[in-house]
Amino acid sequence: MEGSRGMKNKAIYHRTVAGNGKGAWHSMRSPRLMLFAACLIGFTFIGILWWNLTQAQAKVTTIDNEEVIATVNGESIVEQELQWQMKKLRSHADGNLEENVADKRELALNESIQLKAQLLEAQRRGLLESVRYADYVTKWQSEQIRRKNAALNNEVVYGPITVEEDHYYDFFVADILAKLRDHMMAEKPFSQEEIAAYYQEHLSLYKKPNRLQTNMFVITFGKELSKDEAFRTAQSIAEGLKRGEDADKLLQQENRKNFVLQQRAFNEQTAKQDTMNGTDVWRSVQTLREADVTNPIEENGSYYIFQCLALEDTGFLPLEKASPGIEIALMEQAFPRMTERWVKESTVIIKTSTKQAE
C-alpha cells in the first residue's frame, strides 16, 4: 500500500505542478490516467478494508492459538479467562493477598472452572450460544463498533463509548448468570416447607416498621456550638428524659438558638424517606417502646434524641408476601452447591503448565 502511494505521487503530482497548469489539467483528464486513478483509489480502499478485517481477526486468532489452561467437557479455558479471575481476586482482597503466584493461579483456575460449568449450564438451557472466550471477544469487538457508530450518528449510547475488554466481560458474565438464576427460579425448585422454614428462621427480617409518634430533639453544632458541647448537652437531655423530666422544661434550660424540639412521626408513609436519610436514626427508633428514649445519634451535623410518645406494633409481613424474596435468597444459597454439582458431573482436564509461575 505504501508502494501504491509512491506510484501515485510519481505519476500525478509532478505532472500536475509542471508547466503552466493548463497542460497538467488536460493530463489529469486523459482517459488512461483517470482509469488508473480510479483503480488506485479502489485498490487503496480494498487495502484499508482488508487491513481492518485482518487486525480484528488477528485478535481472535491470538486467543484461539493461546495455550489452553484447562478444559471442561471439552470447552477450553484460556489465559485471558484466568487473568480475569485473578484480577477479580485482587480487587476483592483486603490488602493481605500475598500468596505465592502459583497459589493465586490455582485459586483463579478453580474459579474459572466453576464459571465455565455455569456457562455450560446456561448454554444447555438455551441462554447462551457459545462458551468460548474467542466468541465473546468477537461480540465485544462488534459492540465496540456499534457504540462508536451510534455516537457518530448522534444516537443514544448508554455508558462510555469505549468499554474495556475485561469490564465488558464483567457485564457479560453477570448478565448470563442472572438469566441462569431466573431460568432456574421459574422451575420453582424450592418447596413450601423450605420457604416456610427460612421465613421462621429469619423472622426478624420480615418485621414491618412500627408506627411511632416521638418527641425529636435536634442539637446542631458548628460555629456557635462546638461538637463536644453539643454532645454533652444531648447527653444531658437524654438522661433527663430517661429520669422522666418534662421535654419542654429541659429545652428551656438550653439556648433555643441551637436546639429544636418537635414531634416526629414514623410510619409506612415516612419509611422510604427515613431509610434514605439515615439508617442509624431508623434502626434506633425502631427499637423503641413507649416512653423509651434513644441515646444521642449523630447525623448531618447534629445530634438527635427521640422520645417515644406512642407506639403501634404492626407485626410481620405475611409469608405469602415474603415468599418471592425468600425464593431469591434460597437460590443465592443454593447456587454455589449447584455449581459444585455441575463441576463434579463434568470432565475437567487441567494442563500441567498451569502450575508454572506467571
Protein backbone atom coordinates (compact mmCIF):
# COMPACT_ATOMS: atom_id res chain seq x y z
CA MET A 1 0.00 0.00 0.00
CA GLU A 2 2.91 2.32 0.68
CA GLY A 3 4.26 1.49 -2.79
CA SER A 4 0.93 2.50 -4.27
CA ARG A 5 1.14 5.87 -2.59
CA GLY A 6 4.65 6.37 -4.03
CA MET A 7 3.39 5.49 -7.50
CA LYS A 8 0.57 7.97 -7.11
CA ASN A 9 2.98 10.77 -6.23
CA LYS A 10 5.29 9.96 -9.14
CA ALA A 11 2.56 9.60 -11.75
CA ILE A 12 0.33 12.53 -10.83
CA TYR A 13 1.97 15.05 -8.55
CA HIS A 14 4.95 16.04 -10.72
CA ARG A 15 2.87 16.28 -13.86
CA THR A 16 0.32 18.43 -12.07
CA VAL A 17 2.80 21.09 -10.96
CA ALA A 18 4.81 21.08 -14.23
CA GLY A 19 4.25 23.75 -16.90
CA ASN A 20 1.62 26.45 -16.64
CA GLY A 21 -1.07 24.27 -15.04
CA LYS A 22 -3.25 24.05 -18.15
CA GLY A 23 -1.34 21.12 -19.56
CA ALA A 24 -1.49 19.46 -16.19
CA TRP A 25 -5.29 19.74 -16.14
CA HIS A 26 -5.56 18.12 -19.57
CA SER A 27 -3.15 15.40 -18.46
CA MET A 28 -5.35 14.70 -15.45
CA ARG A 29 -8.37 14.38 -17.73
CA SER A 30 -6.80 11.80 -20.06
CA PRO A 31 -8.92 8.60 -20.08
CA ARG A 32 -5.99 6.32 -19.29
CA LEU A 33 -4.90 8.42 -16.34
CA MET A 34 -8.43 8.70 -14.98
CA LEU A 35 -8.83 4.91 -15.22
CA PHE A 36 -5.53 4.48 -13.43
CA ALA A 37 -6.59 6.87 -10.66
CA ALA A 38 -9.92 5.06 -10.22
CA CYS A 39 -8.15 1.71 -9.96
CA LEU A 40 -5.67 3.15 -7.49
CA ILE A 41 -8.45 4.51 -5.28
CA GLY A 42 -10.25 1.19 -5.46
CA PHE A 43 -7.17 -0.80 -4.51
CA THR A 44 -6.44 1.62 -1.66
CA PHE A 45 -9.97 1.22 -0.28
CA ILE A 46 -9.77 -2.57 -0.55
CA GLY A 47 -6.37 -2.48 1.15
CA ILE A 48 -7.69 -0.42 4.08
CA LEU A 49 -10.70 -2.71 4.43
CA TRP A 50 -8.50 -5.81 4.31
CA TRP A 51 -6.15 -4.33 6.95
CA ASN A 52 -9.05 -3.58 9.32
CA LEU A 53 -10.51 -7.04 8.92
CA THR A 54 -7.17 -8.79 9.43
CA GLN A 55 -6.46 -6.68 12.52
CA ALA A 56 -9.80 -7.64 14.06
CA GLN A 57 -9.30 -11.26 13.07
CA ALA A 58 -5.79 -11.23 14.50
CA LYS A 59 -7.16 -10.57 17.99
CA VAL A 60 -9.49 -13.54 17.84
CA THR A 61 -6.84 -15.75 16.25
CA THR A 62 -4.44 -14.87 19.05
CA ILE A 63 -6.99 -16.11 21.56
CA ASP A 64 -7.69 -19.27 19.56
CA ASN A 65 -3.98 -20.05 19.36
CA GLU A 66 -3.28 -19.33 23.01
CA GLU A 67 -2.28 -22.12 25.32
CA VAL A 68 -5.29 -23.90 26.76
CA ILE A 69 -5.15 -23.82 30.56
CA ALA A 70 -7.87 -26.42 31.14
CA THR A 71 -10.97 -27.90 29.54
CA VAL A 72 -14.42 -28.53 30.95
CA ASN A 73 -16.36 -31.07 28.90
CA GLY A 74 -14.02 -30.26 26.04
CA GLU A 75 -14.56 -26.47 26.25
CA SER A 76 -11.31 -24.56 26.67
CA ILE A 77 -10.28 -22.14 29.41
CA VAL A 78 -7.60 -19.79 28.04
CA GLU A 79 -5.19 -17.38 29.70
CA GLN A 80 -7.47 -14.32 29.39
CA GLU A 81 -10.14 -16.08 31.45
CA LEU A 82 -7.61 -16.99 34.11
CA GLN A 83 -6.23 -13.45 34.22
CA TRP A 84 -9.77 -12.03 34.53
CA GLN A 85 -10.35 -14.23 37.60
CA MET A 86 -7.01 -13.20 39.10
CA LYS A 87 -7.91 -9.54 38.66
CA LYS A 88 -11.19 -10.18 40.47
CA LEU A 89 -9.36 -11.90 43.32
CA ARG A 90 -7.02 -8.92 43.66
CA SER A 91 -9.90 -6.44 43.63
CA HIS A 92 -11.72 -8.35 46.39
CA ALA A 93 -8.61 -8.81 48.53
CA ASP A 94 -8.35 -6.96 51.83
CA GLY A 95 -4.76 -5.93 51.17
CA ASN A 96 -3.29 -9.11 52.60
CA LEU A 97 -3.34 -11.21 49.43
CA GLU A 98 0.34 -12.11 49.41
CA GLU A 99 0.07 -15.76 48.40
CA ASN A 100 2.52 -17.49 46.16
CA VAL A 101 1.85 -16.76 42.47
CA ALA A 102 1.18 -20.43 41.84
CA ASP A 103 -1.36 -20.50 44.68
CA LYS A 104 -3.16 -17.47 43.24
CA ARG A 105 -3.25 -19.08 39.81
CA GLU A 106 -4.67 -22.27 41.29
CA LEU A 107 -7.42 -20.34 43.07
CA ALA A 108 -8.19 -18.40 39.88
CA LEU A 109 -8.23 -21.66 37.92
CA ASN A 110 -10.80 -23.16 40.31
CA GLU A 111 -12.97 -20.08 39.84
CA SER A 112 -12.55 -20.34 36.05
CA ILE A 113 -13.62 -23.99 36.06
CA GLN A 114 -16.73 -23.16 38.11
CA LEU A 115 -17.63 -20.28 35.79
CA LYS A 116 -17.19 -22.48 32.71
CA ALA A 117 -19.50 -25.08 34.27
CA GLN A 118 -22.09 -22.35 34.91
CA LEU A 119 -21.84 -21.07 31.34
CA LEU A 120 -22.21 -24.60 30.03
CA GLU A 121 -25.40 -24.97 32.08
CA ALA A 122 -26.67 -21.69 30.63
CA GLN A 123 -25.84 -22.97 27.15
CA ARG A 124 -27.67 -26.24 27.86
CA ARG A 125 -30.76 -24.22 28.76
CA GLY A 126 -30.55 -22.21 25.53
CA LEU A 127 -29.47 -18.96 27.20
CA LEU A 128 -26.06 -18.80 25.52
CA GLU A 129 -24.85 -19.82 22.07
CA SER A 130 -21.16 -20.33 22.85
CA VAL A 131 -18.96 -20.56 25.93
CA ARG A 132 -15.70 -19.93 24.02
CA TYR A 133 -13.82 -16.82 25.10
CA ALA A 134 -12.86 -16.12 21.47
CA ASP A 135 -16.55 -15.86 20.58
CA TYR A 136 -17.07 -13.47 23.46
CA VAL A 137 -14.23 -11.29 22.13
CA THR A 138 -15.94 -11.18 18.73
CA LYS A 139 -19.13 -9.96 20.43
CA TRP A 140 -17.12 -7.37 22.38
CA GLN A 141 -15.47 -6.07 19.21
CA SER A 142 -18.85 -5.86 17.45
CA GLU A 143 -20.25 -3.93 20.40
CA GLN A 144 -17.32 -1.52 20.25
CA ILE A 145 -18.04 -0.80 16.58
CA ARG A 146 -21.77 -0.45 17.26
CA ARG A 147 -21.22 2.04 20.08
CA LYS A 148 -18.77 4.14 18.05
CA ASN A 149 -21.11 4.23 15.04
CA ALA A 150 -24.05 5.15 17.28
CA ALA A 151 -22.04 8.02 18.77
CA LEU A 152 -21.03 9.26 15.30
CA ASN A 153 -24.70 9.23 14.28
CA ASN A 154 -25.70 11.15 17.44
CA GLU A 155 -27.68 8.18 18.74
CA VAL A 156 -28.10 7.42 22.44
CA VAL A 157 -25.22 5.38 23.89
CA TYR A 158 -25.54 4.20 27.47
CA GLY A 159 -22.24 4.28 29.32
CA PRO A 160 -18.84 5.05 27.81
CA ILE A 161 -18.26 4.89 24.05
CA THR A 162 -15.30 2.54 24.51
CA VAL A 163 -15.60 -0.31 27.02
CA GLU A 164 -12.53 -2.25 28.12
CA GLU A 165 -12.50 -5.96 27.35
CA ASP A 166 -12.46 -7.10 30.99
CA HIS A 167 -15.13 -4.59 32.05
CA TYR A 168 -17.41 -5.77 29.27
CA TYR A 169 -16.75 -9.36 30.36
CA ASP A 170 -17.85 -8.39 33.89
CA PHE A 171 -21.18 -7.28 32.45
CA PHE A 172 -21.43 -10.27 30.11
CA VAL A 173 -20.88 -12.83 32.90
CA ALA A 174 -23.18 -11.06 35.39
CA ASP A 175 -25.95 -10.86 32.79
CA ILE A 176 -25.72 -14.55 31.83
CA LEU A 177 -25.62 -15.75 35.45
CA ALA A 178 -28.63 -13.58 36.33
CA LYS A 179 -30.55 -15.10 33.40
CA LEU A 180 -29.48 -18.56 34.53
CA ARG A 181 -30.78 -17.98 38.06
CA ASP A 182 -34.07 -16.57 36.71
CA HIS A 183 -34.48 -19.60 34.44
CA MET A 184 -33.91 -21.93 37.37
CA MET A 185 -36.27 -19.91 39.58
CA ALA A 186 -39.03 -20.33 37.00
CA GLU A 187 -38.85 -24.07 37.68
CA LYS A 188 -39.91 -23.49 41.32
CA PRO A 189 -37.04 -25.52 42.80
CA PHE A 190 -37.94 -24.87 46.46
CA SER A 191 -40.78 -26.47 48.37
CA GLN A 192 -43.26 -24.57 50.52
CA GLU A 193 -41.72 -26.28 53.54
CA GLU A 194 -38.26 -24.89 52.69
CA ILE A 195 -39.70 -21.40 52.18
CA ALA A 196 -41.63 -21.54 55.47
CA ALA A 197 -38.55 -22.79 57.35
CA TYR A 198 -36.45 -19.90 56.02
CA TYR A 199 -39.21 -17.46 56.98
CA GLN A 200 -39.29 -18.66 60.58
CA GLU A 201 -35.50 -18.76 60.86
CA HIS A 202 -35.18 -15.17 59.61
CA LEU A 203 -38.43 -13.78 61.01
CA SER A 204 -36.81 -10.53 62.18
CA LEU A 205 -36.13 -9.65 58.53
CA TYR A 206 -39.87 -9.55 57.86
CA LYS A 207 -40.83 -7.28 60.74
CA LYS A 208 -42.98 -4.45 59.43
CA PRO A 209 -41.97 -0.94 60.58
CA ASN A 210 -43.67 0.16 63.77
CA ARG A 211 -45.80 3.28 63.76
CA LEU A 212 -44.40 5.77 66.26
CA GLN A 213 -45.08 9.28 67.46
CA THR A 214 -42.00 10.84 69.03
CA ASN A 215 -40.50 13.95 70.52
CA MET A 216 -37.42 14.76 68.45
CA PHE A 217 -34.64 16.92 69.88
CA VAL A 218 -32.11 18.34 67.39
CA ILE A 219 -28.89 19.88 68.75
CA THR A 220 -26.88 21.41 65.90
CA PHE A 221 -23.16 22.04 66.23
CA GLY A 222 -20.97 24.33 64.18
CA LYS A 223 -19.83 27.94 64.57
CA GLU A 224 -21.90 28.79 67.66
CA LEU A 225 -21.71 25.43 69.40
CA SER A 226 -18.79 23.00 69.29
CA LYS A 227 -19.36 19.33 68.64
CA ASP A 228 -18.23 18.37 72.14
CA GLU A 229 -20.57 20.92 73.72
CA ALA A 230 -23.45 19.70 71.59
CA PHE A 231 -22.79 16.09 72.60
CA ARG A 232 -22.64 16.91 76.30
CA THR A 233 -25.90 18.83 76.03
CA ALA A 234 -27.54 16.00 74.08
CA GLN A 235 -26.44 13.50 76.71
CA SER A 236 -27.85 15.75 79.46
CA ILE A 237 -31.22 15.97 77.70
CA ALA A 238 -31.35 12.21 77.07
CA GLU A 239 -30.57 11.46 80.72
CA GLY A 240 -33.19 13.97 81.90
CA LEU A 241 -35.86 12.40 79.65
CA LYS A 242 -34.97 8.94 80.94
CA ARG A 243 -35.47 10.24 84.52
CA GLY A 244 -38.96 11.37 83.49
CA GLU A 245 -38.32 15.13 83.25
CA ASP A 246 -40.58 17.23 81.02
CA ALA A 247 -39.24 17.78 77.49
CA ASP A 248 -40.25 21.48 77.29
CA LYS A 249 -38.63 22.27 80.63
CA LEU A 250 -35.42 20.56 79.55
CA LEU A 251 -35.38 22.63 76.39
CA GLN A 252 -35.93 25.89 78.33
CA GLN A 253 -32.71 25.24 80.22
CA GLU A 254 -30.72 25.47 76.97
CA ASN A 255 -30.08 28.14 74.34
CA ARG A 256 -33.05 27.83 71.95
CA LYS A 257 -30.96 29.16 69.07
CA ASN A 258 -29.15 25.84 68.73
CA PHE A 259 -31.90 23.46 69.83
CA VAL A 260 -35.14 22.31 68.28
CA LEU A 261 -37.93 20.24 69.79
CA GLN A 262 -40.72 18.98 67.56
CA GLN A 263 -42.98 15.98 67.21
CA ARG A 264 -41.97 13.45 64.59
CA ALA A 265 -43.98 10.55 63.19
CA PHE A 266 -42.54 7.30 61.83
CA ASN A 267 -44.89 5.13 59.73
CA GLU A 268 -45.38 3.48 56.33
CA GLN A 269 -45.59 6.86 54.59
CA THR A 270 -42.29 8.10 56.04
CA ALA A 271 -40.39 4.79 55.90
CA LYS A 272 -38.79 5.25 52.48
CA GLN A 273 -37.52 8.73 53.20
CA ASP A 274 -36.46 7.74 56.72
CA THR A 275 -34.24 4.91 55.49
CA MET A 276 -32.77 7.16 52.79
CA ASN A 277 -31.95 9.94 55.26
CA GLY A 278 -30.00 7.77 57.66
CA THR A 279 -30.09 4.18 58.84
CA ASP A 280 -28.75 4.98 62.32
CA VAL A 281 -31.82 7.04 63.20
CA TRP A 282 -34.14 4.49 61.60
CA ARG A 283 -32.64 1.50 63.44
CA SER A 284 -32.58 3.28 66.79
CA VAL A 285 -36.19 4.48 66.56
CA GLN A 286 -37.47 1.04 65.55
CA THR A 287 -36.13 -0.45 68.79
CA LEU A 288 -38.10 1.98 71.00
CA ARG A 289 -41.01 1.04 73.18
CA GLU A 290 -43.45 3.56 74.64
CA ALA A 291 -41.70 6.18 76.85
CA ASP A 292 -38.26 4.91 75.76
CA VAL A 293 -35.54 7.42 74.88
CA THR A 294 -32.64 6.95 72.47
CA ASN A 295 -29.06 7.88 73.20
CA PRO A 296 -27.72 10.84 71.15
CA ILE A 297 -27.44 9.95 67.45
CA GLU A 298 -25.04 11.95 65.27
CA GLU A 299 -26.23 12.72 61.76
CA ASN A 300 -25.75 15.58 59.26
CA GLY A 301 -24.00 17.96 61.66
CA SER A 302 -26.46 17.46 64.53
CA TYR A 303 -27.23 15.21 67.45
CA TYR A 304 -30.74 13.69 67.56
CA ILE A 305 -32.66 12.35 70.56
CA PHE A 306 -36.04 10.59 70.20
CA GLN A 307 -38.59 10.03 72.95
CA CYS A 308 -41.37 7.59 72.09
CA LEU A 309 -44.81 9.06 72.88
CA ALA A 310 -46.99 6.41 71.24
CA LEU A 311 -46.31 3.08 69.56
CA GLU A 312 -48.30 0.72 67.35
CA ASP A 313 -46.69 -2.64 66.61
CA THR A 314 -47.62 -3.54 63.01
CA GLY A 315 -46.47 -7.16 63.13
CA PHE A 316 -44.76 -9.13 60.37
CA LEU A 317 -45.00 -9.35 56.59
CA PRO A 318 -47.20 -12.39 55.78
CA LEU A 319 -45.43 -15.48 54.45
CA GLU A 320 -47.19 -15.31 51.08
CA LYS A 321 -45.88 -11.77 50.51
CA ALA A 322 -42.42 -12.65 51.76
CA SER A 323 -42.14 -15.79 49.59
CA PRO A 324 -40.79 -14.20 46.36
CA GLY A 325 -37.90 -12.62 48.23
CA ILE A 326 -37.28 -15.83 50.17
CA GLU A 327 -37.03 -17.81 46.93
CA ILE A 328 -34.36 -15.40 45.69
CA ALA A 329 -32.45 -15.77 48.96
CA LEU A 330 -32.68 -19.56 48.78
CA MET A 331 -31.41 -19.51 45.20
CA GLU A 332 -28.40 -17.41 46.24
CA GLN A 333 -27.65 -20.00 48.92
CA ALA A 334 -28.18 -22.97 46.61
CA PHE A 335 -26.34 -21.67 43.52
CA PRO A 336 -22.79 -22.45 44.78
CA ARG A 337 -23.90 -26.00 45.68
CA MET A 338 -25.44 -26.45 42.24
CA THR A 339 -22.23 -25.19 40.66
CA GLU A 340 -20.19 -27.75 42.62
CA ARG A 341 -22.51 -30.46 41.32
CA TRP A 342 -22.12 -29.28 37.72
CA VAL A 343 -18.33 -29.35 38.10
CA LYS A 344 -18.38 -32.87 39.58
CA GLU A 345 -20.57 -34.09 36.74
CA SER A 346 -18.19 -32.59 34.15
CA THR A 347 -14.98 -33.94 32.65
CA VAL A 348 -12.31 -31.50 33.76
CA ILE A 349 -8.78 -31.71 32.33
CA ILE A 350 -6.11 -29.40 33.77
CA LYS A 351 -2.92 -28.83 31.80
CA THR A 352 0.27 -29.27 33.84
CA SER A 353 1.71 -25.96 32.57
CA THR A 354 -0.89 -24.05 34.57
CA LYS A 355 1.09 -24.75 37.72
CA GLN A 356 4.03 -22.74 36.42
CA ALA A 357 4.65 -19.23 37.69
CA GLU A 358 3.49 -16.27 35.66
